[in-house]
Amino acid sequence: MRRINQVVSLIFFVGSVSIVWVSWTMEYYTSLGPGAGFFPVWLGACLAGLSLIWFIQACFENTPMKEDFIPDRTGLIRVGSILSALVIMALLMDVVGFQLMMFVFVFFLLIALGRQNLVLTLIISLVGSFGMYYAFKTWLGVQLPESSIAWLMELGL
């Protein structure tokens, strides 16, 4: 388990350094305040620091690997379904639009992974998709993808 933690912490460290490197080319500070590079620089720096702490801990601690460290067939199917749903959502977001695609995504995840009542799942999916779209569009002024399908556009999706 020691070697696994060391390798993964180094992967995270390299990833965080690349985040800092790329975001340093963005505008760090503007006349209005923090620029586009401000948040990723600090996020990458914090991740790099935590990765180094993790690496040091992994060097001095040798914890045995738990039996359930590698997921069983059911766990792998769950992980695969989440990743597949995320990829499908990313590919179809511009075609179907944020509201409908996010509704289907959240509904699928709650059905596939949760054990909630169907009415509660529908409410959470509606608030998580249509409610978030309204909040981002109205209060924050953020443009989210709208549907490019004609009959969905007529419905306001």
C-alpha atoms as a PDB file:
ATOM      1  CA  MET A   1       0.000   0.000   0.000  1.00  0.00           C
ATOM      2  CA  ARG A   2       2.951   2.295   0.625  1.00  0.00           C
ATOM      3  CA  ARG A   3       4.049   2.194  -3.021  1.00  0.00           C
ATOM      4  CA  ILE A   4       0.507   2.853  -4.290  1.00  0.00           C
ATOM      5  CA  ASN A   5       0.166   5.944  -2.074  1.00  0.00           C
ATOM      6  CA  GLN A   6       3.585   7.225  -3.131  1.00  0.00           C
ATOM      7  CA  VAL A   7       2.874   6.830  -6.837  1.00  0.00           C
ATOM      8  CA  VAL A   8      -0.595   8.387  -6.659  1.00  0.00           C
ATOM      9  CA  SER A   9       0.655  11.308  -4.546  1.00  0.00           C
ATOM     10  CA  LEU A  10       3.379  11.982  -7.121  1.00  0.00           C
ATOM     11  CA  ILE A  11       0.800  11.852  -9.925  1.00  0.00           C
ATOM     12  CA  PHE A  12      -1.294  14.418  -8.053  1.00  0.00           C
ATOM     13  CA  PHE A  13       1.810  16.547  -7.470  1.00  0.00           C
ATOM     14  CA  VAL A  14       2.738  16.541 -11.181  1.00  0.00           C
ATOM     15  CA  GLY A  15      -0.867  17.359 -12.085  1.00  0.00           C
ATOM     16  CA  SER A  16      -1.017  20.231  -9.613  1.00  0.00           C
ATOM     17  CA  VAL A  17       2.293  21.672 -10.825  1.00  0.00           C
ATOM     18  CA  SER A  18       0.975  21.566 -14.392  1.00  0.00           C
ATOM     19  CA  ILE A  19      -2.191  23.366 -13.236  1.00  0.00           C
ATOM     20  CA  VAL A  20      -0.070  26.115 -11.668  1.00  0.00           C
ATOM     21  CA  TRP A  21       2.146  26.291 -14.769  1.00  0.00           C
ATOM     22  CA  VAL A  22      -0.751  26.677 -17.196  1.00  0.00           C
ATOM     23  CA  SER A  23      -2.783  29.014 -15.010  1.00  0.00           C
ATOM     24  CA  TRP A  24       0.229  31.274 -14.452  1.00  0.00           C
ATOM     25  CA  THR A  25      -0.069  32.261 -18.124  1.00  0.00           C
ATOM     26  CA  MET A  26      -3.578  33.594 -17.429  1.00  0.00           C
ATOM     27  CA  GLU A  27      -4.258  37.018 -16.052  1.00  0.00           C
ATOM     28  CA  TYR A  28      -3.623  36.784 -12.301  1.00  0.00           C
ATOM     29  CA  TYR A  29      -5.085  40.116 -11.215  1.00  0.00           C
ATOM     30  CA  THR A  30      -7.127  42.770 -13.011  1.00  0.00           C
ATOM     31  CA  SER A  31      -8.205  46.284 -12.144  1.00  0.00           C
ATOM     32  CA  LEU A  32     -11.504  44.831 -10.904  1.00  0.00           C
ATOM     33  CA  GLY A  33      -9.895  42.174  -8.717  1.00  0.00           C
ATOM     34  CA  PRO A  34      -8.697  38.600  -9.109  1.00  0.00           C
ATOM     35  CA  GLY A  35      -8.374  37.466 -12.706  1.00  0.00           C
ATOM     36  CA  ALA A  36      -8.910  34.130 -14.428  1.00  0.00           C
ATOM     37  CA  GLY A  37      -5.594  32.729 -13.194  1.00  0.00           C
ATOM     38  CA  PHE A  38      -5.980  33.622  -9.513  1.00  0.00           C
ATOM     39  CA  PHE A  39      -8.109  30.678  -8.392  1.00  0.00           C
ATOM     40  CA  PRO A  40      -6.328  27.922 -10.358  1.00  0.00           C
ATOM     41  CA  VAL A  41      -2.889  29.126  -9.202  1.00  0.00           C
ATOM     42  CA  TRP A  42      -3.855  28.894  -5.554  1.00  0.00           C
ATOM     43  CA  LEU A  43      -5.833  25.698  -6.033  1.00  0.00           C
ATOM     44  CA  GLY A  44      -2.856  24.062  -7.764  1.00  0.00           C
ATOM     45  CA  ALA A  45      -0.462  25.325  -5.098  1.00  0.00           C
ATOM     46  CA  CYS A  46      -2.640  23.925  -2.302  1.00  0.00           C
ATOM     47  CA  LEU A  47      -2.988  20.615  -4.142  1.00  0.00           C
ATOM     48  CA  ALA A  48       0.795  20.463  -4.618  1.00  0.00           C
ATOM     49  CA  GLY A  49       1.373  21.070  -0.917  1.00  0.00           C
ATOM     50  CA  LEU A  50      -1.159  18.442   0.110  1.00  0.00           C
ATOM     51  CA  SER A  51       0.334  15.984  -2.379  1.00  0.00           C
ATOM     52  CA  LEU A  52       3.775  16.465  -0.833  1.00  0.00           C
ATOM     53  CA  ILE A  53       2.356  15.908   2.647  1.00  0.00           C
ATOM     54  CA  TRP A  54       0.657  12.752   1.401  1.00  0.00           C
ATOM     55  CA  PHE A  55       3.933  11.545  -0.146  1.00  0.00           C
ATOM     56  CA  ILE A  56       5.845  12.145   3.091  1.00  0.00           C
ATOM     57  CA  GLN A  57       3.182  10.319   5.084  1.00  0.00           C
ATOM     58  CA  ALA A  58       3.315   7.415   2.633  1.00  0.00           C
ATOM     59  CA  CYS A  59       7.088   7.175   3.059  1.00  0.00           C
ATOM     60  CA  PHE A  60       6.884   6.781   6.833  1.00  0.00           C
ATOM     61  CA  GLU A  61       3.656   4.812   7.246  1.00  0.00           C
ATOM     62  CA  ASN A  62       3.129   1.322   5.940  1.00  0.00           C
ATOM     63  CA  THR A  63      -0.535   0.442   6.212  1.00  0.00           C
ATOM     64  CA  PRO A  64      -1.653  -2.918   4.881  1.00  0.00           C
ATOM     65  CA  MET A  65      -3.968  -2.954   1.875  1.00  0.00           C
ATOM     66  CA  LYS A  66      -7.590  -3.453   2.852  1.00  0.00           C
ATOM     67  CA  GLU A  67      -9.448  -6.369   1.338  1.00  0.00           C
ATOM     68  CA  ASP A  68     -12.057  -4.096  -0.228  1.00  0.00           C
ATOM     69  CA  PHE A  69      -9.510  -1.640  -1.699  1.00  0.00           C
ATOM     70  CA  ILE A  70     -10.154  -2.895  -5.231  1.00  0.00           C
ATOM     71  CA  PRO A  71     -13.904  -2.747  -5.897  1.00  0.00           C
ATOM     72  CA  ASP A  72     -15.895  -5.847  -6.706  1.00  0.00           C
ATOM     73  CA  ARG A  73     -17.958  -6.295  -9.876  1.00  0.00           C
ATOM     74  CA  THR A  74     -20.861  -4.223  -8.535  1.00  0.00           C
ATOM     75  CA  GLY A  75     -18.538  -1.370  -7.608  1.00  0.00           C
ATOM     76  CA  LEU A  76     -16.878  -1.400 -11.003  1.00  0.00           C
ATOM     77  CA  ILE A  77     -20.275  -1.311 -12.706  1.00  0.00           C
ATOM     78  CA  ARG A  78     -21.250   1.704 -10.567  1.00  0.00           C
ATOM     79  CA  VAL A  79     -18.035   3.544 -11.374  1.00  0.00           C
ATOM     80  CA  GLY A  80     -18.432   2.715 -15.067  1.00  0.00           C
ATOM     81  CA  SER A  81     -22.031   3.901 -15.103  1.00  0.00           C
ATOM     82  CA  ILE A  82     -21.092   7.207 -13.463  1.00  0.00           C
ATOM     83  CA  LEU A  83     -18.241   7.821 -15.906  1.00  0.00           C
ATOM     84  CA  SER A  84     -20.408   6.824 -18.879  1.00  0.00           C
ATOM     85  CA  ALA A  85     -23.210   9.140 -17.755  1.00  0.00           C
ATOM     86  CA  LEU A  86     -20.727  11.981 -17.313  1.00  0.00           C
ATOM     87  CA  VAL A  87     -19.269  11.501 -20.799  1.00  0.00           C
ATOM     88  CA  ILE A  88     -22.733  11.257 -22.379  1.00  0.00           C
ATOM     89  CA  MET A  89     -23.818  14.398 -20.540  1.00  0.00           C
ATOM     90  CA  ALA A  90     -20.754  16.306 -21.746  1.00  0.00           C
ATOM     91  CA  LEU A  91     -21.293  15.192 -25.346  1.00  0.00           C
ATOM     92  CA  LEU A  92     -25.006  16.004 -25.453  1.00  0.00           C
ATOM     93  CA  MET A  93     -25.074  19.183 -23.335  1.00  0.00           C
ATOM     94  CA  ASP A  94     -24.808  21.530 -26.338  1.00  0.00           C
ATOM     95  CA  VAL A  95     -27.430  19.616 -28.311  1.00  0.00           C
ATOM     96  CA  VAL A  96     -30.055  18.955 -25.644  1.00  0.00           C
ATOM     97  CA  GLY A  97     -29.276  21.900 -23.362  1.00  0.00           C
ATOM     98  CA  PHE A  98     -28.284  22.265 -19.730  1.00  0.00           C
ATOM     99  CA  GLN A  99     -31.712  21.966 -18.126  1.00  0.00           C
ATOM    100  CA  LEU A 100     -32.834  18.707 -19.700  1.00  0.00           C
ATOM    101  CA  MET A 101     -29.417  17.047 -19.757  1.00  0.00           C
ATOM    102  CA  MET A 102     -28.706  17.888 -16.120  1.00  0.00           C
ATOM    103  CA  PHE A 103     -32.158  16.616 -15.143  1.00  0.00           C
ATOM    104  CA  VAL A 104     -31.516  13.267 -16.860  1.00  0.00           C
ATOM    105  CA  PHE A 105     -28.004  13.065 -15.373  1.00  0.00           C
ATOM    106  CA  VAL A 106     -29.062  13.756 -11.779  1.00  0.00           C
ATOM    107  CA  PHE A 107     -32.127  11.520 -12.107  1.00  0.00           C
ATOM    108  CA  PHE A 108     -29.990   8.670 -13.454  1.00  0.00           C
ATOM    109  CA  LEU A 109     -27.412   9.022 -10.693  1.00  0.00           C
ATOM    110  CA  LEU A 110     -30.024   9.094  -7.965  1.00  0.00           C
ATOM    111  CA  ILE A 111     -31.811   6.062  -9.397  1.00  0.00           C
ATOM    112  CA  ALA A 112     -28.616   4.109 -10.088  1.00  0.00           C
ATOM    113  CA  LEU A 113     -26.812   4.892  -6.845  1.00  0.00           C
ATOM    114  CA  GLY A 114     -29.439   5.930  -4.355  1.00  0.00           C
ATOM    115  CA  ARG A 115     -32.346   4.310  -2.651  1.00  0.00           C
ATOM    116  CA  GLN A 116     -34.660   7.293  -2.416  1.00  0.00           C
ATOM    117  CA  ASN A 117     -38.331   7.477  -3.018  1.00  0.00           C
ATOM    118  CA  LEU A 118     -39.195   8.235  -6.671  1.00  0.00           C
ATOM    119  CA  VAL A 119     -40.987  11.480  -5.763  1.00  0.00           C
ATOM    120  CA  LEU A 120     -37.961  12.708  -3.800  1.00  0.00           C
ATOM    121  CA  THR A 121     -35.688  11.748  -6.709  1.00  0.00           C
ATOM    122  CA  LEU A 122     -37.848  13.760  -9.128  1.00  0.00           C
ATOM    123  CA  ILE A 123     -37.872  16.799  -6.826  1.00  0.00           C
ATOM    124  CA  ILE A 124     -34.102  16.731  -6.345  1.00  0.00           C
ATOM    125  CA  SER A 125     -33.559  16.280 -10.088  1.00  0.00           C
ATOM    126  CA  LEU A 126     -35.881  19.178 -10.942  1.00  0.00           C
ATOM    127  CA  VAL A 127     -34.284  21.527  -8.410  1.00  0.00           C
ATOM    128  CA  GLY A 128     -30.789  20.403  -9.383  1.00  0.00           C
ATOM    129  CA  SER A 129     -31.379  21.088 -13.059  1.00  0.00           C
ATOM    130  CA  PHE A 130     -34.061  23.704 -13.660  1.00  0.00           C
ATOM    131  CA  GLY A 131     -33.461  25.464 -10.328  1.00  0.00           C
ATOM    132  CA  MET A 132     -29.722  25.718 -10.899  1.00  0.00           C
ATOM    133  CA  TYR A 133     -30.274  26.940 -14.448  1.00  0.00           C
ATOM    134  CA  TYR A 134     -32.566  29.675 -13.147  1.00  0.00           C
ATOM    135  CA  ALA A 135     -30.120  30.658 -10.404  1.00  0.00           C
ATOM    136  CA  PHE A 136     -27.127  30.835 -12.715  1.00  0.00           C
ATOM    137  CA  LYS A 137     -28.970  32.641 -15.490  1.00  0.00           C
ATOM    138  CA  THR A 138     -30.971  35.099 -13.374  1.00  0.00           C
ATOM    139  CA  TRP A 139     -28.851  35.859 -10.319  1.00  0.00           C
ATOM    140  CA  LEU A 140     -25.334  35.267 -11.612  1.00  0.00           C
ATOM    141  CA  GLY A 141     -25.820  36.199 -15.277  1.00  0.00           C
ATOM    142  CA  VAL A 142     -24.008  33.064 -16.488  1.00  0.00           C
ATOM    143  CA  GLN A 143     -24.911  31.707 -19.908  1.00  0.00           C
ATOM    144  CA  LEU A 144     -25.479  27.964 -19.852  1.00  0.00           C
ATOM    145  CA  PRO A 145     -26.002  25.816 -22.962  1.00  0.00           C
ATOM    146  CA  GLU A 146     -29.486  25.881 -24.399  1.00  0.00           C
ATOM    147  CA  SER A 147     -30.967  23.255 -26.650  1.00  0.00           C
ATOM    148  CA  SER A 148     -30.262  23.378 -30.370  1.00  0.00           C
ATOM    149  CA  ILE A 149     -33.270  21.170 -31.159  1.00  0.00           C
ATOM    150  CA  ALA A 150     -36.099  23.293 -32.567  1.00  0.00           C
ATOM    151  CA  TRP A 151     -39.046  21.866 -30.617  1.00  0.00           C
ATOM    152  CA  LEU A 152     -37.072  21.996 -27.344  1.00  0.00           C
ATOM    153  CA  MET A 153     -36.149  25.620 -28.055  1.00  0.00           C
ATOM    154  CA  GLU A 154     -39.838  26.430 -28.519  1.00  0.00           C
ATOM    155  CA  LEU A 155     -40.500  24.972 -25.064  1.00  0.00           C
ATOM    156  CA  GLY A 156     -37.850  27.270 -23.606  1.00  0.00           C
ATOM    157  CA  LEU A 157     -35.323  24.562 -22.878  1.00  0.00           C
END
